[in-house]
Amino acid sequence: MLLPMKNKKTISILVFVLVFIVSLTAAYSLWYPVSFYYAWFRLKAAYILLNLFGIYPTFSISGIQSSQGEMFAFLPYISLMMATYKKEISKHLKEIGITFVAIVLIEILGRFLEKYAGMYPKNIILSMLAIFFLGTARVALPFLSWFISLYRERKPFSKLFSSEPE
């Protein structure tokens, strides 16, 4: 029995959402125990950058424990990619790797700017840059990367849930 077009599209949307939710849940479950080490790495890298600028603050991990469950912007991105490409995800590993590295670098640079701005509280530009990197760029980049992957695949957003064969 063939399903009407509307039902096929609804099923496509439901499958997309289900794959996204399941993969995101799995990713966060795996991420939580690792998040402390990632937060430590990111903060340590920011302090190394500060050292390169001739600033030698005392490295302290006191704030890391409270942010152990901190969300990592890469996880929703990888879940979007899995929901979009499912079995074809292996074709996008290079793209996923580049996005991962870019997000990590954005987060390190953001933490560097945050610590640097803390030393010069009157410098509004440093504070704005820290907010941009930590509040905007690290969240926007994964979704931008996902949209770019859709564009490269010639898969317009409107056809993402299309029930028609490509």
Protein backbone atom coordinates (compact mmCIF):
# COMPACT_ATOMS: atom_id res chain seq x y z
CA MET A 1 0.00 0.00 0.00
CA LEU A 2 1.38 3.39 -0.99
CA LEU A 3 1.19 6.22 1.48
CA PRO A 4 -0.07 9.59 0.32
CA MET A 5 2.65 12.20 -0.27
CA LYS A 6 1.74 14.13 2.86
CA ASN A 7 2.20 11.04 5.05
CA LYS A 8 5.59 10.26 3.46
CA LYS A 9 6.76 13.77 4.19
CA THR A 10 5.50 13.54 7.77
CA ILE A 11 7.33 10.25 8.21
CA SER A 12 10.51 11.80 6.77
CA ILE A 13 10.27 14.68 9.25
CA LEU A 14 9.60 12.29 12.15
CA VAL A 15 12.57 10.09 11.19
CA PHE A 16 14.81 13.18 10.97
CA VAL A 17 13.68 14.40 14.41
CA LEU A 18 13.97 10.94 15.95
CA VAL A 19 17.49 10.37 14.60
CA PHE A 20 18.48 13.86 15.77
CA ILE A 21 17.12 13.35 19.30
CA VAL A 22 18.57 9.85 19.72
CA SER A 23 22.01 10.83 18.40
CA LEU A 24 22.07 14.02 20.49
CA THR A 25 21.11 12.10 23.63
CA ALA A 26 23.84 9.54 22.95
CA ALA A 27 26.38 12.30 22.25
CA TYR A 28 25.61 14.14 25.49
CA SER A 29 25.73 10.88 27.44
CA LEU A 30 29.21 10.22 26.08
CA TRP A 31 30.24 13.87 26.44
CA TYR A 32 29.40 14.41 30.09
CA PRO A 33 32.28 12.35 31.56
CA VAL A 34 34.74 13.91 29.09
CA SER A 35 33.57 17.51 29.52
CA PHE A 36 35.75 18.21 32.57
CA TYR A 37 38.91 17.33 30.60
CA TYR A 38 37.79 19.36 27.62
CA ALA A 39 37.07 22.38 29.85
CA TRP A 40 40.51 21.94 31.44
CA PHE A 41 42.18 21.68 28.01
CA ARG A 42 40.38 24.74 26.68
CA LEU A 43 41.26 26.82 29.73
CA LYS A 44 44.88 25.62 29.75
CA ALA A 45 45.25 26.49 26.05
CA ALA A 46 43.85 29.98 26.76
CA TYR A 47 46.43 30.43 29.53
CA ILE A 48 49.21 29.33 27.17
CA LEU A 49 48.02 32.01 24.72
CA LEU A 50 48.10 34.56 27.55
CA ASN A 51 51.67 33.46 28.32
CA LEU A 52 52.60 34.08 24.69
CA PHE A 53 51.35 37.64 25.14
CA GLY A 54 53.58 38.06 28.20
CA ILE A 55 50.77 37.69 30.73
CA TYR A 56 51.31 35.03 33.38
CA PRO A 57 48.18 34.60 35.49
CA THR A 58 47.95 31.76 37.96
CA PHE A 59 46.23 28.80 36.35
CA SER A 60 43.30 27.67 38.44
CA ILE A 61 40.85 24.86 37.75
CA SER A 62 38.42 26.00 40.45
CA GLY A 63 35.66 27.00 38.03
CA ILE A 64 35.92 23.92 35.87
CA GLN A 65 34.12 21.49 38.17
CA SER A 66 30.98 23.64 38.18
CA SER A 67 30.93 23.71 34.38
CA GLN A 68 31.51 19.98 33.88
CA GLY A 69 28.17 19.57 32.19
CA GLU A 70 28.86 22.49 29.88
CA MET A 71 27.37 21.99 26.48
CA PHE A 72 29.70 21.57 23.56
CA ALA A 73 28.45 23.24 20.37
CA PHE A 74 29.78 20.39 18.26
CA LEU A 75 27.28 17.85 19.59
CA PRO A 76 24.12 19.34 18.01
CA TYR A 77 26.08 19.75 14.77
CA ILE A 78 27.10 16.10 14.63
CA SER A 79 23.52 15.10 15.43
CA LEU A 80 22.21 17.32 12.62
CA MET A 81 24.71 15.75 10.22
CA MET A 82 23.68 12.25 11.30
CA ALA A 83 19.99 13.04 10.92
CA THR A 84 20.57 14.63 7.52
CA TYR A 85 22.93 12.11 5.93
CA LYS A 86 22.30 8.93 7.99
CA LYS A 87 24.20 6.16 6.14
CA GLU A 88 26.14 8.66 4.00
CA ILE A 89 27.74 10.32 7.05
CA SER A 90 31.15 8.81 6.25
CA LYS A 91 31.34 10.98 3.11
CA HIS A 92 31.32 14.05 5.36
CA LEU A 93 34.02 13.09 7.87
CA LYS A 94 36.54 15.65 6.58
CA GLU A 95 33.96 18.41 6.82
CA ILE A 96 32.95 17.26 10.31
CA GLY A 97 36.61 17.21 11.39
CA ILE A 98 37.22 20.74 10.10
CA THR A 99 34.14 22.00 11.93
CA PHE A 100 35.28 20.27 15.13
CA VAL A 101 38.71 21.91 15.01
CA ALA A 102 37.18 25.31 14.20
CA ILE A 103 34.79 25.10 17.16
CA VAL A 104 37.59 24.09 19.54
CA LEU A 105 39.75 27.00 18.30
CA ILE A 106 36.83 29.43 18.67
CA GLU A 107 36.25 28.26 22.23
CA ILE A 108 39.96 28.55 23.11
CA LEU A 109 40.13 32.03 21.58
CA GLY A 110 36.95 33.00 23.40
CA ARG A 111 38.36 31.87 26.77
CA PHE A 112 41.60 33.71 26.00
CA LEU A 113 39.68 36.92 25.25
CA GLU A 114 37.53 36.42 28.35
CA LYS A 115 40.61 36.15 30.60
CA TYR A 116 42.39 38.98 28.76
CA ALA A 117 39.33 41.25 29.04
CA GLY A 118 39.19 40.48 32.77
CA MET A 119 42.62 42.02 33.13
CA TYR A 120 41.56 45.17 31.29
CA PRO A 121 37.94 45.70 32.40
CA LYS A 122 37.72 49.15 30.81
CA ASN A 123 38.44 47.76 27.34
CA ILE A 124 34.95 47.23 25.93
CA ILE A 125 36.21 45.81 22.64
CA LEU A 126 37.91 42.86 24.37
CA SER A 127 34.72 42.11 26.30
CA MET A 128 32.62 42.32 23.14
CA LEU A 129 35.01 40.01 21.28
CA ALA A 130 34.89 37.47 24.12
CA ILE A 131 31.10 37.56 24.06
CA PHE A 132 31.09 37.25 20.27
CA PHE A 133 33.31 34.17 20.26
CA LEU A 134 31.77 32.42 23.28
CA GLY A 135 28.18 33.53 22.86
CA THR A 136 27.69 33.77 19.11
CA ALA A 137 30.42 32.22 16.98
CA ARG A 138 30.65 28.90 18.82
CA VAL A 139 26.88 28.45 18.50
CA ALA A 140 26.46 29.81 14.97
CA LEU A 141 29.38 28.01 13.33
CA PRO A 142 27.95 24.48 13.63
CA PHE A 143 24.65 25.50 12.06
CA LEU A 144 26.43 27.49 9.36
CA SER A 145 28.58 24.46 8.61
CA TRP A 146 25.47 22.30 8.39
CA PHE A 147 23.82 24.73 5.96
CA ILE A 148 27.01 24.81 3.88
CA SER A 149 26.99 21.00 3.72
CA LEU A 150 23.40 21.11 2.49
CA TYR A 151 24.42 23.64 -0.16
CA ARG A 152 27.41 21.57 -1.26
CA GLU A 153 25.23 18.51 -1.62
CA ARG A 154 22.77 20.56 -3.64
CA LYS A 155 20.20 19.62 -1.04
CA PRO A 156 18.11 22.72 -0.41
CA PHE A 157 16.54 23.00 3.01
CA SER A 158 13.09 22.83 1.43
CA LYS A 159 13.94 19.38 0.00
CA LEU A 160 15.49 18.04 3.20
CA PHE A 161 12.24 16.34 4.10
CA SER A 162 11.14 15.67 0.56
CA SER A 163 9.48 12.33 0.02
CA GLU A 164 10.52 12.33 -3.63
CA PRO A 165 13.60 10.30 -4.60
CA GLU A 166 16.62 12.35 -5.63
